[in-house]
């Protein structure tokens, strides 16, 4: 692969085995981007699922040029980028094509972005158009003012803004597709990390402050204290079950590197949603704590 990995070095063989395992266990939605591994993630998804392409849903994204945050949402870039993605994914259509975290005011006087996506949809290269939003407030803007039918948004135990601002309820009412990202808060909600962990320098987590990491790494304890059915799930499963219990959720996209992680994640669906008591306890715990360093 190459130097661009969000969570440090990965192993292609293990990645493919994890993807196959996910498919065997019934996972049909795969979220990627031309940014991840600078296309390498798309290549792995394409290679692994070529034979079952029509049985899965692939979401990919466009807009980022590099991991330093440079972006391009010009029609020309979108048209070039989608061809690259289609080639790497070894397919002639992408089920869900998302704009990758654009500044929301980008659309103010600019109709060409949406009309470009619309024409790619007309051409059959995209089945559905969506937006991966920077914040839950941007999410409200994207559906209320810009008419997007699918959004991807952050939501997890320690970041419940999408519940607080009414985004999830609005999506439920309007029948908007919701893909929940960061359900494990970058892995911290699994309880497997501490601030003492040294993250690879390619890993985005190496850039965060020690106090922030400390706060996230210990957060799971705060929630578990008040639960009734702690026996049933691992920390990761509990975090995923919380997301699956949210109003309006269509799918949740935890990252996974190994077959073991796939199995653990998938079991969350089988255990099912949180009880009413646990759901309430989670919301209360969130309201009484601060999980972001100012």
Protein backbone atom coordinates (compact mmCIF):
# COMPACT_ATOMS: atom_id res chain seq x y z
CA UNK A 1 0.00 0.00 0.00
CA UNK A 2 1.39 3.43 0.81
CA UNK A 3 1.76 5.93 3.58
CA UNK A 4 -1.81 7.08 4.05
CA UNK A 5 -3.62 5.09 6.70
CA UNK A 6 -5.96 6.60 9.26
CA UNK A 7 -5.18 4.06 11.98
CA UNK A 8 -1.58 3.10 11.30
CA UNK A 9 -0.19 0.19 9.28
CA UNK A 10 -2.50 -2.53 8.03
CA UNK A 11 -2.04 -5.98 6.56
CA UNK A 12 -3.72 -6.60 3.19
CA UNK A 13 -4.13 -10.33 3.68
CA UNK A 14 -5.80 -9.83 7.05
CA UNK A 15 -7.94 -7.00 5.64
CA UNK A 16 -9.27 -9.21 2.85
CA UNK A 17 -9.98 -12.04 5.28
CA UNK A 18 -11.83 -9.58 7.54
CA UNK A 19 -13.90 -8.32 4.59
CA UNK A 20 -14.76 -11.89 3.55
CA UNK A 21 -15.71 -12.75 7.11
CA UNK A 22 -17.99 -9.70 7.25
CA UNK A 23 -19.75 -10.79 4.06
CA UNK A 24 -20.15 -14.35 5.35
CA UNK A 25 -21.72 -12.97 8.53
CA UNK A 26 -24.25 -10.94 6.57
CA UNK A 27 -22.66 -7.49 6.28
CA UNK A 28 -23.86 -5.93 3.03
CA UNK A 29 -22.87 -2.26 3.43
CA UNK A 30 -19.22 -1.26 2.91
CA UNK A 31 -18.07 2.32 3.38
CA UNK A 32 -14.85 3.52 1.78
CA UNK A 33 -13.35 6.61 0.12
CA UNK A 34 -10.77 7.47 -2.50
CA UNK A 35 -8.86 9.10 0.37
CA UNK A 36 -8.39 5.92 2.45
CA UNK A 37 -4.94 4.61 1.63
CA UNK A 38 -5.19 6.92 -1.38
CA UNK A 39 -7.40 4.44 -3.20
CA UNK A 40 -5.99 1.28 -1.67
CA UNK A 41 -9.07 0.68 0.48
CA UNK A 42 -11.27 0.82 -2.64
CA UNK A 43 -8.94 -1.64 -4.38
CA UNK A 44 -9.28 -4.14 -1.53
CA UNK A 45 -13.08 -3.82 -1.50
CA UNK A 46 -13.19 -4.19 -5.29
CA UNK A 47 -10.94 -7.21 -5.33
CA UNK A 48 -12.72 -8.97 -2.46
CA UNK A 49 -16.29 -8.48 -3.68
CA UNK A 50 -15.97 -8.65 -7.45
CA UNK A 51 -17.91 -11.92 -7.64
CA UNK A 52 -20.74 -10.78 -5.36
CA UNK A 53 -20.89 -7.15 -6.44
CA UNK A 54 -24.67 -7.15 -7.00
CA UNK A 55 -25.27 -8.51 -3.48
CA UNK A 56 -23.55 -5.67 -1.61
CA UNK A 57 -23.86 -1.92 -1.24
CA UNK A 58 -20.72 0.15 -1.68
CA UNK A 59 -20.49 3.70 -0.39
CA UNK A 60 -17.52 5.78 -1.47
CA UNK A 61 -16.65 9.44 -1.14
CA UNK A 62 -15.12 12.30 -3.08
CA UNK A 63 -13.54 15.63 -2.20
CA UNK A 64 -10.32 15.14 -0.24
CA UNK A 65 -7.01 15.43 -2.07
CA UNK A 66 -4.79 14.41 0.86
CA UNK A 67 -4.66 13.79 4.60
CA UNK A 68 -3.65 17.40 5.24
CA UNK A 69 -7.21 18.48 4.52
CA UNK A 70 -6.95 19.88 0.98
CA UNK A 71 -10.27 19.49 -0.83
CA UNK A 72 -11.68 19.87 -4.34
CA UNK A 73 -15.41 19.65 -5.10
CA UNK A 74 -15.23 21.06 -8.62
CA UNK A 75 -17.30 19.22 -11.26
CA UNK A 76 -14.07 18.39 -13.07
CA UNK A 77 -12.54 16.78 -9.99
CA UNK A 78 -15.73 14.85 -9.18
CA UNK A 79 -15.91 13.46 -12.73
CA UNK A 80 -12.27 12.42 -12.71
CA UNK A 81 -12.39 11.02 -9.19
CA UNK A 82 -15.42 8.81 -9.78
CA UNK A 83 -13.74 7.16 -12.76
CA UNK A 84 -10.77 6.33 -10.55
CA UNK A 85 -13.03 4.94 -7.85
CA UNK A 86 -15.04 2.83 -10.30
CA UNK A 87 -11.85 1.38 -11.71
CA UNK A 88 -10.41 0.52 -8.29
CA UNK A 89 -13.73 -0.92 -7.11
CA UNK A 90 -13.92 -2.94 -10.36
CA UNK A 91 -17.51 -1.92 -10.94
CA UNK A 92 -19.52 0.35 -13.20
CA UNK A 93 -21.66 1.91 -10.48
CA UNK A 94 -21.33 3.10 -6.88
CA UNK A 95 -24.43 2.55 -4.74
CA UNK A 96 -23.92 5.60 -2.55
CA UNK A 97 -21.56 8.41 -3.53
CA UNK A 98 -20.92 10.91 -0.74
CA UNK A 99 -19.34 14.33 -0.76
CA UNK A 100 -16.54 13.92 1.81
CA UNK A 101 -17.01 16.55 4.54
CA UNK A 102 -17.44 19.70 2.45
CA UNK A 103 -17.74 23.11 4.15
CA UNK A 104 -21.54 23.49 4.20
CA UNK A 105 -21.48 27.04 2.77
CA UNK A 106 -19.84 25.64 -0.35
CA UNK A 107 -23.34 25.20 -1.78
CA UNK A 108 -24.56 28.75 -1.16
CA UNK A 109 -24.05 30.06 -4.69
CA UNK A 110 -22.96 26.89 -6.33
CA UNK A 111 -25.45 24.64 -8.10
CA UNK A 112 -22.84 22.84 -10.18
CA UNK A 113 -21.77 20.35 -7.50
CA UNK A 114 -25.23 18.87 -7.07
CA UNK A 115 -26.01 18.99 -10.78
CA UNK A 116 -22.74 17.15 -11.51
CA UNK A 117 -23.71 14.38 -9.07
CA UNK A 118 -27.22 14.33 -10.54
CA UNK A 119 -25.88 13.83 -14.05
CA UNK A 120 -23.63 10.98 -12.86
CA UNK A 121 -26.75 9.46 -11.34
CA UNK A 122 -28.64 9.87 -14.62
CA UNK A 123 -25.72 8.14 -16.34
CA UNK A 124 -26.10 5.19 -13.96
CA UNK A 125 -22.70 5.63 -12.33
CA UNK A 126 -24.26 6.48 -8.95
CA UNK A 127 -27.39 4.97 -7.43
CA UNK A 128 -27.78 7.47 -4.56
CA UNK A 129 -26.18 10.79 -3.66
CA UNK A 130 -25.19 11.67 -0.11
CA UNK A 131 -23.05 13.89 2.06
CA UNK A 132 -20.67 13.03 4.86
CA UNK A 133 -21.11 16.03 7.14
CA UNK A 134 -18.57 17.79 9.34
CA UNK A 135 -21.06 18.26 12.16
CA UNK A 136 -24.63 17.30 13.10
CA UNK A 137 -25.68 20.94 12.57
CA UNK A 138 -24.33 20.75 9.04
CA UNK A 139 -26.43 17.58 8.75
CA UNK A 140 -29.63 19.50 9.48
CA UNK A 141 -28.67 22.10 6.89
CA UNK A 142 -27.90 19.38 4.33
CA UNK A 143 -31.33 17.79 4.60
CA UNK A 144 -33.51 20.83 5.31
CA UNK A 145 -31.93 23.33 2.95
CA UNK A 146 -30.00 21.32 0.37
CA UNK A 147 -32.29 18.32 -0.02
CA UNK A 148 -29.79 15.49 0.51
CA UNK A 149 -31.47 12.10 0.96
CA UNK A 150 -28.57 10.39 2.73
CA UNK A 151 -26.14 11.67 5.33
CA UNK A 152 -23.16 10.21 7.13
CA UNK A 153 -22.58 11.71 10.57
CA UNK A 154 -20.60 11.22 13.79
CA UNK A 155 -22.52 9.68 16.66
CA UNK A 156 -21.37 7.62 19.62
CA UNK A 157 -21.70 7.38 23.39
CA UNK A 158 -19.42 10.38 23.97
CA UNK A 159 -20.72 12.44 21.05
CA UNK A 160 -24.51 12.59 21.08
CA UNK A 161 -24.89 15.92 19.26
CA UNK A 162 -26.92 14.31 16.44
CA UNK A 163 -29.51 13.27 19.02
CA UNK A 164 -29.40 16.59 20.89
CA UNK A 165 -29.96 18.82 17.87
CA UNK A 166 -32.88 16.75 16.56
CA UNK A 167 -31.01 15.47 13.49
CA UNK A 168 -31.82 11.80 14.07
CA UNK A 169 -35.51 12.49 14.69
CA UNK A 170 -35.73 14.71 11.59
CA UNK A 171 -34.13 11.98 9.45
CA UNK A 172 -36.58 9.45 10.84
CA UNK A 173 -39.55 11.70 10.03
CA UNK A 174 -38.32 12.52 6.52
CA UNK A 175 -37.13 9.01 5.65
CA UNK A 176 -33.53 10.19 5.16
CA UNK A 177 -30.81 7.53 5.11
CA UNK A 178 -28.39 7.82 8.03
CA UNK A 179 -24.95 6.23 8.14
CA UNK A 180 -23.43 6.56 11.61
CA UNK A 181 -19.68 6.91 11.63
CA UNK A 182 -17.16 6.88 14.52
CA UNK A 183 -19.49 4.60 16.58
CA UNK A 184 -16.51 3.46 18.68
CA UNK A 185 -14.99 6.96 18.93
CA UNK A 186 -11.83 5.95 17.06
CA UNK A 187 -11.59 2.71 19.03
CA UNK A 188 -11.51 4.40 22.45
CA UNK A 189 -14.92 3.07 23.49
CA UNK A 190 -13.62 -0.49 23.28
CA UNK A 191 -11.64 0.18 26.47
CA UNK A 192 -8.48 -1.17 24.84
CA UNK A 193 -6.49 2.06 24.78
CA UNK A 194 -4.98 4.44 27.29
CA UNK A 195 -3.18 7.76 26.97
CA UNK A 196 0.04 5.82 27.52
CA UNK A 197 -0.42 3.99 24.21
CA UNK A 198 1.99 5.11 21.56
CA UNK A 199 0.17 5.43 18.28
CA UNK A 200 2.03 5.08 15.00
CA UNK A 201 2.88 8.49 13.58
CA UNK A 202 0.65 7.73 10.56
CA UNK A 203 -2.24 7.22 12.97
CA UNK A 204 -4.56 10.24 13.35
CA UNK A 205 -4.79 9.45 17.07
CA UNK A 206 -1.13 10.45 17.56
CA UNK A 207 -2.12 14.08 16.95
CA UNK A 208 -4.59 14.40 19.85
CA UNK A 209 -3.82 15.82 23.27
CA UNK A 210 -3.10 13.45 26.16
CA UNK A 211 -6.01 14.83 28.26
CA UNK A 212 -8.45 14.27 25.37
CA UNK A 213 -7.23 10.71 24.86
CA UNK A 214 -7.41 10.07 28.60
CA UNK A 215 -10.99 11.30 28.70
CA UNK A 216 -12.11 9.16 25.76
CA UNK A 217 -10.15 6.11 26.86
CA UNK A 218 -11.89 6.07 30.24
CA UNK A 219 -15.34 7.11 29.05
CA UNK A 220 -16.68 3.58 28.69
CA UNK A 221 -16.35 3.06 32.46
CA UNK A 222 -18.61 6.04 33.12
CA UNK A 223 -21.39 4.53 31.03
CA UNK A 224 -21.04 0.93 32.17
CA UNK A 225 -21.46 1.86 35.81
CA UNK A 226 -25.19 2.47 35.35
CA UNK A 227 -26.19 -0.35 33.04
CA UNK A 228 -28.52 -3.19 33.87
CA UNK A 229 -27.29 -5.78 31.36
CA UNK A 230 -23.51 -5.39 31.48
CA UNK A 231 -23.05 -9.15 31.18
CA UNK A 232 -24.45 -9.33 27.68
CA UNK A 233 -22.00 -7.27 25.68
CA UNK A 234 -18.36 -6.32 25.35
CA UNK A 235 -17.57 -2.59 25.48
CA UNK A 236 -17.47 -2.40 21.69
CA UNK A 237 -20.78 -4.23 21.35
CA UNK A 238 -22.43 -1.95 23.89
CA UNK A 239 -21.17 1.14 22.01
CA UNK A 240 -22.48 -0.26 18.72
CA UNK A 241 -25.82 -1.29 20.25
CA UNK A 242 -26.25 2.28 21.45
CA UNK A 243 -25.87 3.52 17.85
CA UNK A 244 -28.20 0.82 16.54
CA UNK A 245 -30.81 1.93 19.11
CA UNK A 246 -30.88 5.53 17.86
CA UNK A 247 -34.00 6.81 16.05
CA UNK A 248 -33.59 7.05 12.28
CA UNK A 249 -30.38 5.02 11.99
CA UNK A 250 -29.97 3.07 8.72
CA UNK A 251 -26.56 1.55 9.31
CA UNK A 252 -23.51 1.89 11.55
CA UNK A 253 -19.97 1.65 10.21
CA UNK A 254 -17.35 0.54 12.75
CA UNK A 255 -13.86 0.12 11.38
CA UNK A 256 -12.44 -3.39 11.50
CA UNK A 257 -9.00 -4.77 10.90
CA UNK A 258 -9.34 -8.45 11.81
CA UNK A 259 -11.82 -11.31 11.60
CA UNK A 260 -12.14 -11.27 15.40
CA UNK A 261 -13.24 -7.63 15.32
CA UNK A 262 -15.76 -8.40 12.59
CA UNK A 263 -17.27 -11.17 14.69
CA UNK A 264 -17.42 -9.00 17.80
CA UNK A 265 -18.99 -6.10 15.89
CA UNK A 266 -21.54 -8.27 14.12
CA UNK A 267 -22.72 -9.87 17.33
CA UNK A 268 -24.00 -6.42 18.39
CA UNK A 269 -26.79 -6.72 15.83
CA UNK A 270 -27.75 -10.13 17.14
CA UNK A 271 -27.88 -8.97 20.79
CA UNK A 272 -30.13 -6.15 19.62
CA UNK A 273 -31.09 -2.69 20.81
CA UNK A 274 -30.65 -1.41 24.37
CA UNK A 275 -33.46 -1.77 26.89
CA UNK A 276 -35.43 1.42 27.60
CA UNK A 277 -33.75 1.68 31.01
CA UNK A 278 -30.26 1.40 29.57
CA UNK A 279 -31.07 3.85 26.76
CA UNK A 280 -32.25 6.42 29.31
CA UNK A 281 -29.23 5.79 31.51
CA UNK A 282 -26.88 6.43 28.57
CA UNK A 283 -28.54 9.76 27.73
CA UNK A 284 -28.42 10.86 31.37
CA UNK A 285 -24.77 9.86 31.81
CA UNK A 286 -23.90 11.85 28.69
CA UNK A 287 -25.70 14.95 29.97
CA UNK A 288 -23.86 14.81 33.30
CA UNK A 289 -20.36 14.49 31.85
CA UNK A 290 -18.04 16.39 29.56
CA UNK A 291 -16.17 14.31 27.00
CA UNK A 292 -14.44 16.99 24.96
CA UNK A 293 -11.45 18.99 26.07
CA UNK A 294 -12.21 22.66 25.56
